[in-house]
Amino acid sequence: MEEKEKVNYNKVPRKKKSAEAVVEKPAVEQPVAEEPKKFVNAVIYNCTNVNYREQPSYDASVIKVLKAGTAVKFEPGTKENGFVKTMLGTTLGWVRYEYVKAVEE
């Protein structure tokens, strides 16, 4: 009977992993995000009813008719064609600026 040659697997040469150079990529300058514009608490005043429109135009569709005393929020600096961007709940719309008055929080 022939004896089989025993192989010691601990001594079998293994492929060595090549040492990959770790190259650090230069930091990419991230653009600074603009701080979101803040809406200011306001109230509808100086009228009986005012149209809450989809766009800053008299030709734009009316979303809703707001009564004096209705609480809204408006975005300062968004006056366009005499309208200011406002928020009623979660709905964005436009109201004539002369009917929106900021109130303290």
PDB file of N, CA and C in Angstrom:
ATOM      1  N   MET A   1       0.826  -1.163   0.000  1.00  0.00           N
ATOM      2  CA  MET A   1       0.000   0.000   0.000  1.00  0.00           C
ATOM      3  C   MET A   1       0.878   1.236   0.000  1.00  0.00           C
ATOM      4  N   GLU A   2       0.499   2.125  -0.862  1.00  0.00           N
ATOM      5  CA  GLU A   2       1.303   3.343  -0.962  1.00  0.00           C
ATOM      6  C   GLU A   2       0.793   4.394   0.014  1.00  0.00           C
ATOM      7  N   GLU A   3       1.735   5.066   0.560  1.00  0.00           N
ATOM      8  CA  GLU A   3       1.348   6.158   1.463  1.00  0.00           C
ATOM      9  C   GLU A   3       1.200   7.432   0.661  1.00  0.00           C
ATOM     10  N   LYS A   4       0.095   8.133   0.957  1.00  0.00           N
ATOM     11  CA  LYS A   4      -0.123   9.414   0.280  1.00  0.00           C
ATOM     12  C   LYS A   4       0.684  10.477   0.995  1.00  0.00           C
ATOM     13  N   GLU A   5       1.188  11.355   0.194  1.00  0.00           N
ATOM     14  CA  GLU A   5       1.974  12.437   0.769  1.00  0.00           C
ATOM     15  C   GLU A   5       1.049  13.408   1.478  1.00  0.00           C
ATOM     16  N   LYS A   6       1.333  13.712   2.681  1.00  0.00           N
ATOM     17  CA  LYS A   6       0.505  14.647   3.446  1.00  0.00           C
ATOM     18  C   LYS A   6       0.921  16.065   3.096  1.00  0.00           C
ATOM     19  N   VAL A   7      -0.072  16.872   2.911  1.00  0.00           N
ATOM     20  CA  VAL A   7       0.194  18.276   2.564  1.00  0.00           C
ATOM     21  C   VAL A   7      -0.124  19.122   3.783  1.00  0.00           C
ATOM     22  N   ASN A   8       0.811  19.912   4.144  1.00  0.00           N
ATOM     23  CA  ASN A   8       0.595  20.830   5.257  1.00  0.00           C
ATOM     24  C   ASN A   8       0.116  22.152   4.649  1.00  0.00           C
ATOM     25  N   TYR A   9      -1.167  22.421   4.791  1.00  0.00           N
ATOM     26  CA  TYR A   9      -1.744  23.610   4.165  1.00  0.00           C
ATOM     27  C   TYR A   9      -1.265  24.908   4.811  1.00  0.00           C
ATOM     28  N   ASN A  10      -0.725  24.818   5.974  1.00  0.00           N
ATOM     29  CA  ASN A  10      -0.205  26.022   6.616  1.00  0.00           C
ATOM     30  C   ASN A  10       1.048  26.521   5.913  1.00  0.00           C
ATOM     31  N   LYS A  11       1.718  25.636   5.214  1.00  0.00           N
ATOM     32  CA  LYS A  11       2.960  26.018   4.562  1.00  0.00           C
ATOM     33  C   LYS A  11       2.795  26.259   3.073  1.00  0.00           C
ATOM     34  N   VAL A  12       1.554  26.130   2.578  1.00  0.00           N
ATOM     35  CA  VAL A  12       1.315  26.360   1.148  1.00  0.00           C
ATOM     36  C   VAL A  12       1.444  27.851   0.888  1.00  0.00           C
ATOM     37  N   PRO A  13       2.265  28.218  -0.082  1.00  0.00           N
ATOM     38  CA  PRO A  13       2.410  29.656  -0.362  1.00  0.00           C
ATOM     39  C   PRO A  13       1.088  30.235  -0.861  1.00  0.00           C
ATOM     40  N   ARG A  14       0.740  31.344  -0.304  1.00  0.00           N
ATOM     41  CA  ARG A  14      -0.501  32.033  -0.701  1.00  0.00           C
ATOM     42  C   ARG A  14      -0.136  33.325  -1.388  1.00  0.00           C
ATOM     43  N   LYS A  15      -1.049  33.734  -2.243  1.00  0.00           N
ATOM     44  CA  LYS A  15      -0.813  35.009  -2.916  1.00  0.00           C
ATOM     45  C   LYS A  15      -0.902  36.119  -1.887  1.00  0.00           C
ATOM     46  N   LYS A  16       0.047  36.969  -1.937  1.00  0.00           N
ATOM     47  CA  LYS A  16       0.014  38.112  -1.032  1.00  0.00           C
ATOM     48  C   LYS A  16      -0.811  39.205  -1.677  1.00  0.00           C
ATOM     49  N   LYS A  17      -1.598  39.809  -0.859  1.00  0.00           N
ATOM     50  CA  LYS A  17      -2.400  40.931  -1.353  1.00  0.00           C
ATOM     51  C   LYS A  17      -1.474  42.103  -1.593  1.00  0.00           C
ATOM     52  N   SER A  18      -1.658  42.688  -2.742  1.00  0.00           N
ATOM     53  CA  SER A  18      -0.809  43.840  -3.024  1.00  0.00           C
ATOM     54  C   SER A  18      -1.249  45.004  -2.158  1.00  0.00           C
ATOM     55  N   ALA A  19      -0.297  45.673  -1.645  1.00  0.00           N
ATOM     56  CA  ALA A  19      -0.601  46.818  -0.785  1.00  0.00           C
ATOM     57  C   ALA A  19      -1.003  47.979  -1.685  1.00  0.00           C
ATOM     58  N   GLU A  20      -2.269  48.328  -1.613  1.00  0.00           N
ATOM     59  CA  GLU A  20      -2.745  49.442  -2.426  1.00  0.00           C
ATOM     60  C   GLU A  20      -2.467  50.728  -1.683  1.00  0.00           C
ATOM     61  N   ALA A  21      -1.989  51.665  -2.424  1.00  0.00           N
ATOM     62  CA  ALA A  21      -1.703  52.962  -1.808  1.00  0.00           C
ATOM     63  C   ALA A  21      -3.026  53.665  -1.530  1.00  0.00           C
ATOM     64  N   VAL A  22      -3.156  54.153  -0.352  1.00  0.00           N
ATOM     65  CA  VAL A  22      -4.352  54.896   0.009  1.00  0.00           C
ATOM     66  C   VAL A  22      -4.096  56.350  -0.327  1.00  0.00           C
ATOM     67  N   VAL A  23      -4.864  56.814  -1.279  1.00  0.00           N
ATOM     68  CA  VAL A  23      -4.696  58.192  -1.716  1.00  0.00           C
ATOM     69  C   VAL A  23      -5.883  58.986  -1.205  1.00  0.00           C
ATOM     70  N   GLU A  24      -5.582  59.985  -0.435  1.00  0.00           N
ATOM     71  CA  GLU A  24      -6.666  60.823   0.065  1.00  0.00           C
ATOM     72  C   GLU A  24      -7.023  61.852  -0.984  1.00  0.00           C
ATOM     73  N   LYS A  25      -8.318  61.916  -1.239  1.00  0.00           N
ATOM     74  CA  LYS A  25      -8.790  62.903  -2.203  1.00  0.00           C
ATOM     75  C   LYS A  25      -8.886  64.248  -1.501  1.00  0.00           C
ATOM     76  N   PRO A  26      -8.560  65.292  -2.223  1.00  0.00           N
ATOM     77  CA  PRO A  26      -8.696  66.607  -1.595  1.00  0.00           C
ATOM     78  C   PRO A  26     -10.165  66.879  -1.279  1.00  0.00           C
ATOM     79  N   ALA A  27     -10.366  67.545  -0.196  1.00  0.00           N
ATOM     80  CA  ALA A  27     -11.733  67.857   0.215  1.00  0.00           C
ATOM     81  C   ALA A  27     -12.394  68.745  -0.829  1.00  0.00           C
ATOM     82  N   VAL A  28     -13.590  68.346  -1.209  1.00  0.00           N
ATOM     83  CA  VAL A  28     -14.347  69.136  -2.167  1.00  0.00           C
ATOM     84  C   VAL A  28     -15.113  70.182  -1.383  1.00  0.00           C
ATOM     85  N   GLU A  29     -14.964  71.400  -1.797  1.00  0.00           N
ATOM     86  CA  GLU A  29     -15.646  72.476  -1.089  1.00  0.00           C
ATOM     87  C   GLU A  29     -17.135  72.400  -1.387  1.00  0.00           C
ATOM     88  N   GLN A  30     -17.901  72.200  -0.350  1.00  0.00           N
ATOM     89  CA  GLN A  30     -19.343  72.101  -0.491  1.00  0.00           C
ATOM     90  C   GLN A  30     -19.954  73.497  -0.536  1.00  0.00           C
ATOM     91  N   PRO A  31     -20.905  73.687  -1.445  1.00  0.00           N
ATOM     92  CA  PRO A  31     -21.542  75.000  -1.469  1.00  0.00           C
ATOM     93  C   PRO A  31     -22.336  75.225  -0.188  1.00  0.00           C
ATOM     94  N   VAL A  32     -22.286  76.418   0.289  1.00  0.00           N
ATOM     95  CA  VAL A  32     -23.011  76.755   1.511  1.00  0.00           C
ATOM     96  C   VAL A  32     -24.473  76.950   1.142  1.00  0.00           C
ATOM     97  N   ALA A  33     -25.313  76.180   1.785  1.00  0.00           N
ATOM     98  CA  ALA A  33     -26.741  76.286   1.512  1.00  0.00           C
ATOM     99  C   ALA A  33     -27.266  77.594   2.067  1.00  0.00           C
ATOM    100  N   GLU A  34     -28.078  78.234   1.269  1.00  0.00           N
ATOM    101  CA  GLU A  34     -28.684  79.477   1.749  1.00  0.00           C
ATOM    102  C   GLU A  34     -29.669  79.147   2.845  1.00  0.00           C
ATOM    103  N   GLU A  35     -29.686  79.988   3.828  1.00  0.00           N
ATOM    104  CA  GLU A  35     -30.659  79.796   4.893  1.00  0.00           C
ATOM    105  C   GLU A  35     -32.040  80.030   4.296  1.00  0.00           C
ATOM    106  N   PRO A  36     -32.956  79.096   4.539  1.00  0.00           N
ATOM    107  CA  PRO A  36     -34.283  79.289   3.960  1.00  0.00           C
ATOM    108  C   PRO A  36     -34.910  80.577   4.464  1.00  0.00           C
ATOM    109  N   LYS A  37     -35.605  81.222   3.563  1.00  0.00           N
ATOM    110  CA  LYS A  37     -36.252  82.470   3.962  1.00  0.00           C
ATOM    111  C   LYS A  37     -37.325  82.142   4.980  1.00  0.00           C
ATOM    112  N   LYS A  38     -37.469  83.039   5.908  1.00  0.00           N
ATOM    113  CA  LYS A  38     -38.409  82.797   6.996  1.00  0.00           C
ATOM    114  C   LYS A  38     -39.705  83.548   6.735  1.00  0.00           C
ATOM    115  N   PHE A  39     -40.769  82.853   6.978  1.00  0.00           N
ATOM    116  CA  PHE A  39     -42.069  83.480   6.877  1.00  0.00           C
ATOM    117  C   PHE A  39     -42.370  84.167   8.206  1.00  0.00           C
ATOM    118  N   VAL A  40     -43.040  85.287   8.122  1.00  0.00           N
ATOM    119  CA  VAL A  40     -43.356  86.104   9.285  1.00  0.00           C
ATOM    120  C   VAL A  40     -44.862  86.024   9.533  1.00  0.00           C
ATOM    121  N   ASN A  41     -45.232  85.922  10.795  1.00  0.00           N
ATOM    122  CA  ASN A  41     -46.659  85.911  11.127  1.00  0.00           C
ATOM    123  C   ASN A  41     -47.290  87.211  10.701  1.00  0.00           C
ATOM    124  N   ALA A  42     -48.490  87.103  10.151  1.00  0.00           N
ATOM    125  CA  ALA A  42     -49.186  88.290   9.664  1.00  0.00           C
ATOM    126  C   ALA A  42     -50.685  88.064   9.763  1.00  0.00           C
ATOM    127  N   VAL A  43     -51.405  89.120   9.451  1.00  0.00           N
ATOM    128  CA  VAL A  43     -52.859  89.054   9.466  1.00  0.00           C
ATOM    129  C   VAL A  43     -53.379  89.848   8.265  1.00  0.00           C
ATOM    130  N   ILE A  44     -54.504  89.406   7.750  1.00  0.00           N
ATOM    131  CA  ILE A  44     -55.160  90.140   6.664  1.00  0.00           C
ATOM    132  C   ILE A  44     -55.930  91.286   7.321  1.00  0.00           C
ATOM    133  N   TYR A  45     -55.744  92.500   6.815  1.00  0.00           N
ATOM    134  CA  TYR A  45     -56.407  93.660   7.410  1.00  0.00           C
ATOM    135  C   TYR A  45     -56.715  94.691   6.321  1.00  0.00           C
ATOM    136  N   ASN A  46     -57.369  95.765   6.714  1.00  0.00           N
ATOM    137  CA  ASN A  46     -57.627  96.893   5.824  1.00  0.00           C
ATOM    138  C   ASN A  46     -58.551  96.528   4.665  1.00  0.00           C
ATOM    139  N   CYS A  47     -59.419  95.525   4.879  1.00  0.00           N
ATOM    140  CA  CYS A  47     -60.349  95.114   3.826  1.00  0.00           C
ATOM    141  C   CYS A  47     -61.452  94.272   4.449  1.00  0.00           C
ATOM    142  N   THR A  48     -62.449  93.954   3.650  1.00  0.00           N
ATOM    143  CA  THR A  48     -63.487  93.027   4.086  1.00  0.00           C
ATOM    144  C   THR A  48     -63.077  91.618   3.653  1.00  0.00           C
ATOM    145  N   ASN A  49     -62.775  91.483   2.360  1.00  0.00           N
ATOM    146  CA  ASN A  49     -62.316  90.218   1.779  1.00  0.00           C
ATOM    147  C   ASN A  49     -61.167  90.510   0.824  1.00  0.00           C
ATOM    148  N   VAL A  50     -60.269  89.565   0.682  1.00  0.00           N
ATOM    149  CA  VAL A  50     -59.161  89.713  -0.255  1.00  0.00           C
ATOM    150  C   VAL A  50     -58.936  88.371  -0.947  1.00  0.00           C
ATOM    151  N   ASN A  51     -58.595  88.419  -2.229  1.00  0.00           N
ATOM    152  CA  ASN A  51     -58.351  87.194  -2.989  1.00  0.00           C
ATOM    153  C   ASN A  51     -56.956  86.635  -2.708  1.00  0.00           C
ATOM    154  N   TYR A  52     -56.920  85.353  -2.446  1.00  0.00           N
ATOM    155  CA  TYR A  52     -55.677  84.618  -2.228  1.00  0.00           C
ATOM    156  C   TYR A  52     -55.383  83.903  -3.542  1.00  0.00           C
ATOM    157  N   ARG A  53     -54.340  84.351  -4.264  1.00  0.00           N
ATOM    158  CA  ARG A  53     -54.121  83.909  -5.638  1.00  0.00           C
ATOM    159  C   ARG A  53     -52.943  82.952  -5.788  1.00  0.00           C
ATOM    160  N   GLU A  54     -52.978  82.198  -6.906  1.00  0.00           N
ATOM    161  CA  GLU A  54     -51.908  81.240  -7.204  1.00  0.00           C
ATOM    162  C   GLU A  54     -50.627  81.930  -7.660  1.00  0.00           C
ATOM    163  N   GLN A  55     -50.727  83.072  -8.300  1.00  0.00           N
ATOM    164  CA  GLN A  55     -49.583  83.810  -8.833  1.00  0.00           C
ATOM    165  C   GLN A  55     -49.742  85.289  -8.489  1.00  0.00           C
ATOM    166  N   PRO A  56     -48.658  86.063  -8.573  1.00  0.00           N
ATOM    167  CA  PRO A  56     -48.747  87.499  -8.255  1.00  0.00           C
ATOM    168  C   PRO A  56     -49.316  88.307  -9.417  1.00  0.00           C
ATOM    169  N   SER A  57     -50.593  88.073  -9.700  1.00  0.00           N
ATOM    170  CA  SER A  57     -51.241  88.750 -10.823  1.00  0.00           C
ATOM    171  C   SER A  57     -52.749  88.762 -10.608  1.00  0.00           C
ATOM    172  N   TYR A  58     -53.387  89.827 -11.095  1.00  0.00           N
ATOM    173  CA  TYR A  58     -54.852  89.889 -11.023  1.00  0.00           C
ATOM    174  C   TYR A  58     -55.488  88.836 -11.921  1.00  0.00           C
ATOM    175  N   ASP A  59     -54.749  88.361 -12.910  1.00  0.00           N
ATOM    176  CA  ASP A  59     -55.262  87.345 -13.833  1.00  0.00           C
ATOM    177  C   ASP A  59     -55.132  85.924 -13.287  1.00  0.00           C
ATOM    178  N   ALA A  60     -54.392  85.760 -12.212  1.00  0.00           N
ATOM    179  CA  ALA A  60     -54.160  84.425 -11.639  1.00  0.00           C
ATOM    180  C   ALA A  60     -55.419  83.892 -10.973  1.00  0.00           C
ATOM    181  N   SER A  61     -55.520  82.582 -10.936  1.00  0.00           N
ATOM    182  CA  SER A  61     -56.672  81.931 -10.302  1.00  0.00           C
ATOM    183  C   SER A  61     -56.710  82.240  -8.812  1.00  0.00           C
ATOM    184  N   VAL A  62     -57.929  82.383  -8.305  1.00  0.00           N
ATOM    185  CA  VAL A  62     -58.132  82.633  -6.874  1.00  0.00           C
ATOM    186  C   VAL A  62     -58.208  81.280  -6.162  1.00  0.00           C
ATOM    187  N   ILE A  63     -57.346  81.098  -5.176  1.00  0.00           N
ATOM    188  CA  ILE A  63     -57.340  79.861  -4.388  1.00  0.00           C
ATOM    189  C   ILE A  63     -58.476  79.906  -3.374  1.00  0.00           C
ATOM    190  N   LYS A  64     -58.596  81.075  -2.748  1.00  0.00           N
ATOM    191  CA  LYS A  64     -59.574  81.238  -1.680  1.00  0.00           C
ATOM    192  C   LYS A  64     -59.777  82.729  -1.443  1.00  0.00           C
ATOM    193  N   VAL A  65     -60.904  83.087  -0.894  1.00  0.00           N
ATOM    194  CA  VAL A  65     -61.155  84.470  -0.497  1.00  0.00           C
ATOM    195  C   VAL A  65     -60.952  84.541   1.011  1.00  0.00           C
ATOM    196  N   LEU A  66     -60.044  85.429   1.445  1.00  0.00           N
ATOM    197  CA  LEU A  66     -59.724  85.552   2.862  1.00  0.00           C
ATOM    198  C   LEU A  66     -60.456  86.735   3.463  1.00  0.00           C
ATOM    199  N   LYS A  67     -60.921  86.569   4.684  1.00  0.00           N
ATOM    200  CA  LYS A  67     -61.607  87.651   5.401  1.00  0.00           C
ATOM    201  C   LYS A  67     -60.595  88.417   6.238  1.00  0.00           C
ATOM    202  N   ALA A  68     -60.924  89.658   6.551  1.00  0.00           N
ATOM    203  CA  ALA A  68     -60.086  90.459   7.448  1.00  0.00           C
ATOM    204  C   ALA A  68     -59.933  89.706   8.765  1.00  0.00           C
ATOM    205  N   GLY A  69     -58.707  89.710   9.300  1.00  0.00           N
ATOM    206  CA  GLY A  69     -58.432  89.024  10.550  1.00  0.00           C
ATOM    207  C   GLY A  69     -57.887  87.613  10.364  1.00  0.00           C
ATOM    208  N   THR A  70     -57.865  87.117   9.120  1.00  0.00           N
ATOM    209  CA  THR A  70     -57.322  85.782   8.857  1.00  0.00           C
ATOM    210  C   THR A  70     -55.813  85.774   9.111  1.00  0.00           C
ATOM    211  N   ALA A  71     -55.349  84.801   9.895  1.00  0.00           N
ATOM    212  CA  ALA A  71     -53.913  84.678  10.188  1.00  0.00           C
ATOM    213  C   ALA A  71     -53.224  83.985   9.014  1.00  0.00           C
ATOM    214  N   VAL A  72     -52.153  84.603   8.536  1.00  0.00           N
ATOM    215  CA  VAL A  72     -51.335  84.042   7.458  1.00  0.00           C
ATOM    216  C   VAL A  72     -49.877  84.252   7.846  1.00  0.00           C
ATOM    217  N   LYS A  73     -48.981  83.804   6.993  1.00  0.00           N
ATOM    218  CA  LYS A  73     -47.553  84.115   7.123  1.00  0.00           C
ATOM    219  C   LYS A  73     -47.137  84.678   5.786  1.00  0.00           C
ATOM    220  N   PHE A  74     -46.195  85.619   5.807  1.00  0.00           N
ATOM    221  CA  PHE A  74     -45.707  86.132   4.536  1.00  0.00           C
ATOM    222  C   PHE A  74     -44.193  86.145   4.534  1.00  0.00           C
ATOM    223  N   GLU A  75     -43.639  86.107   3.329  1.00  0.00           N
ATOM    224  CA  GLU A  75     -42.194  86.053   3.166  1.00  0.00           C
ATOM    225  C   GLU A  75     -41.698  87.454   2.813  1.00  0.00           C
ATOM    226  N   PRO A  76     -41.009  88.123   3.751  1.00  0.00           N
ATOM    227  CA  PRO A  76     -40.513  89.466   3.480  1.00  0.00           C
ATOM    228  C   PRO A  76     -39.599  89.489   2.253  1.00  0.00           C
ATOM    229  N   GLY A  77     -39.704  90.556   1.495  1.00  0.00           N
ATOM    230  CA  GLY A  77     -38.845  90.719   0.324  1.00  0.00           C
ATOM    231  C   GLY A  77     -39.346  90.019  -0.918  1.00  0.00           C
ATOM    232  N   THR A  78     -40.574  89.531  -0.898  1.00  0.00           N
ATOM    233  CA  THR A  78     -41.105  88.822  -2.066  1.00  0.00           C
ATOM    234  C   THR A  78     -42.171  89.626  -2.801  1.00  0.00           C
ATOM    235  N   LYS A  79     -42.175  90.914  -2.602  1.00  0.00           N
ATOM    236  CA  LYS A  79     -43.178  91.750  -3.262  1.00  0.00           C
ATOM    237  C   LYS A  79     -42.953  91.712  -4.776  1.00  0.00           C
ATOM    238  N   GLU A  80     -43.994  91.330  -5.490  1.00  0.00           N
ATOM    239  CA  GLU A  80     -43.921  91.223  -6.942  1.00  0.00           C
ATOM    240  C   GLU A  80     -45.264  91.663  -7.521  1.00  0.00           C
ATOM    241  N   ASN A  81     -45.226  92.665  -8.375  1.00  0.00           N
ATOM    242  CA  ASN A  81     -46.453  93.216  -8.980  1.00  0.00           C
ATOM    243  C   ASN A  81     -47.452  93.686  -7.925  1.00  0.00           C
ATOM    244  N   GLY A  82     -46.949  94.091  -6.771  1.00  0.00           N
ATOM    245  CA  GLY A  82     -47.840  94.567  -5.715  1.00  0.00           C
ATOM    246  C   GLY A  82     -48.390  93.461  -4.827  1.00  0.00           C
ATOM    247  N   PHE A  83     -47.941  92.224  -5.047  1.00  0.00           N
ATOM    248  CA  PHE A  83     -48.386  91.082  -4.251  1.00  0.00           C
ATOM    249  C   PHE A  83     -47.213  90.574  -3.410  1.00  0.00           C
ATOM    250  N   VAL A  84     -47.519  89.956  -2.262  1.00  0.00           N
ATOM    251  CA  VAL A  84     -46.486  89.313  -1.453  1.00  0.00           C
ATOM    252  C   VAL A  84     -46.810  87.825  -1.338  1.00  0.00           C
ATOM    253  N   LYS A  85     -45.720  87.021  -1.296  1.00  0.00           N
ATOM    254  CA  LYS A  85     -45.893  85.571  -1.153  1.00  0.00           C
ATOM    255  C   LYS A  85     -46.350  85.295   0.271  1.00  0.00           C
ATOM    256  N   THR A  86     -47.422  84.554   0.391  1.00  0.00           N
ATOM    257  CA  THR A  86     -47.986  84.243   1.706  1.00  0.00           C
ATOM    258  C   THR A  86     -48.214  82.750   1.839  1.00  0.00           C
ATOM    259  N   MET A  87     -48.400  82.342   3.075  1.00  0.00           N
ATOM    260  CA  MET A  87     -48.696  80.948   3.347  1.00  0.00           C
ATOM    261  C   MET A  87     -49.912  80.889   4.256  1.00  0.00           C
ATOM    262  N   LEU A  88     -50.888  80.147   3.825  1.00  0.00           N
ATOM    263  CA  LEU A  88     -52.101  79.916   4.613  1.00  0.00           C
ATOM    264  C   LEU A  88     -52.088  78.426   4.938  1.00  0.00           C
ATOM    265  N   GLY A  89     -51.762  78.088   6.172  1.00  0.00           N
ATOM    266  CA  GLY A  89     -51.566  76.672   6.512  1.00  0.00           C
ATOM    267  C   GLY A  89     -50.327  76.184   5.775  1.00  0.00           C
ATOM    268  N   THR A  90     -50.515  75.233   4.873  1.00  0.00           N
ATOM    269  CA  THR A  90     -49.397  74.731   4.068  1.00  0.00           C
ATOM    270  C   THR A  90     -49.523  75.147   2.602  1.00  0.00           C
ATOM    271  N   THR A  91     -50.490  76.003   2.300  1.00  0.00           N
ATOM    272  CA  THR A  91     -50.718  76.431   0.922  1.00  0.00           C
ATOM    273  C   THR A  91     -50.043  77.765   0.650  1.00  0.00           C
ATOM    274  N   LEU A  92     -49.182  77.784  -0.374  1.00  0.00           N
ATOM    275  CA  LEU A  92     -48.540  79.037  -0.782  1.00  0.00           C
ATOM    276  C   LEU A  92     -49.451  79.777  -1.743  1.00  0.00           C
ATOM    277  N   GLY A  93     -49.469  81.094  -1.605  1.00  0.00           N
ATOM    278  CA  GLY A  93     -50.274  81.920  -2.496  1.00  0.00           C
ATOM    279  C   GLY A  93     -49.777  83.351  -2.451  1.00  0.00           C
ATOM    280  N   TRP A  94     -50.512  84.233  -3.106  1.00  0.00           N
ATOM    281  CA  TRP A  94     -50.143  85.642  -3.205  1.00  0.00           C
ATOM    282  C   TRP A  94     -51.320  86.529  -2.830  1.00  0.00           C
ATOM    283  N   VAL A  95     -51.018  87.588  -2.061  1.00  0.00           N
ATOM    284  CA  VAL A  95     -52.025  88.554  -1.614  1.00  0.00           C
ATOM    285  C   VAL A  95     -51.459  89.950  -1.873  1.00  0.00           C
ATOM    286  N   ARG A  96     -52.325  90.890  -2.205  1.00  0.00           N
ATOM    287  CA  ARG A  96     -51.884  92.280  -2.364  1.00  0.00           C
ATOM    288  C   ARG A  96     -51.229  92.737  -1.067  1.00  0.00           C
ATOM    289  N   TYR A  97     -50.059  93.371  -1.197  1.00  0.00           N
ATOM    290  CA  TYR A  97     -49.255  93.738  -0.026  1.00  0.00           C
ATOM    291  C   TYR A  97     -49.977  94.679   0.934  1.00  0.00           C
ATOM    292  N   GLU A  98     -50.845  95.544   0.422  1.00  0.00           N
ATOM    293  CA  GLU A  98     -51.489  96.512   1.316  1.00  0.00           C
ATOM    294  C   GLU A  98     -52.514  95.873   2.258  1.00  0.00           C
ATOM    295  N   TYR A  99     -52.799  94.580   2.060  1.00  0.00           N
ATOM    296  CA  TYR A  99     -53.762  93.867   2.922  1.00  0.00           C
ATOM    297  C   TYR A  99     -53.091  92.898   3.895  1.00  0.00           C
ATOM    298  N   VAL A 100     -51.765  92.919   3.946  1.00  0.00           N
ATOM    299  CA  VAL A 100     -51.032  92.016   4.837  1.00  0.00           C
ATOM    300  C   VAL A 100     -50.246  92.852   5.827  1.00  0.00           C
ATOM    301  N   LYS A 101     -50.440  92.554   7.114  1.00  0.00           N
ATOM    302  CA  LYS A 101     -49.728  93.318   8.152  1.00  0.00           C
ATOM    303  C   LYS A 101     -49.041  92.313   9.084  1.00  0.00           C
ATOM    304  N   ALA A 102     -47.725  92.509   9.297  1.00  0.00           N
ATOM    305  CA  ALA A 102     -46.958  91.642  10.191  1.00  0.00           C
ATOM    306  C   ALA A 102     -47.442  91.830  11.612  1.00  0.00           C
ATOM    307  N   VAL A 103     -47.451  90.741  12.342  1.00  0.00           N
ATOM    308  CA  VAL A 103     -47.823  90.789  13.768  1.00  0.00           C
ATOM    309  C   VAL A 103     -46.725  90.089  14.553  1.00  0.00           C
ATOM    310  N   GLU A 104     -46.574  90.454  15.813  1.00  0.00           N
ATOM    311  CA  GLU A 104     -45.550  89.836  16.645  1.00  0.00           C
ATOM    312  C   GLU A 104     -45.965  88.425  16.995  1.00  0.00           C
ATOM    313  N   GLU A 105     -44.963  87.572  17.114  1.00  0.00           N
ATOM    314  CA  GLU A 105     -45.233  86.157  17.419  1.00  0.00           C
ATOM    315  C   GLU A 105     -45.628  85.956  18.844  1.00  0.00           C
TER     316      GLU A 105
END
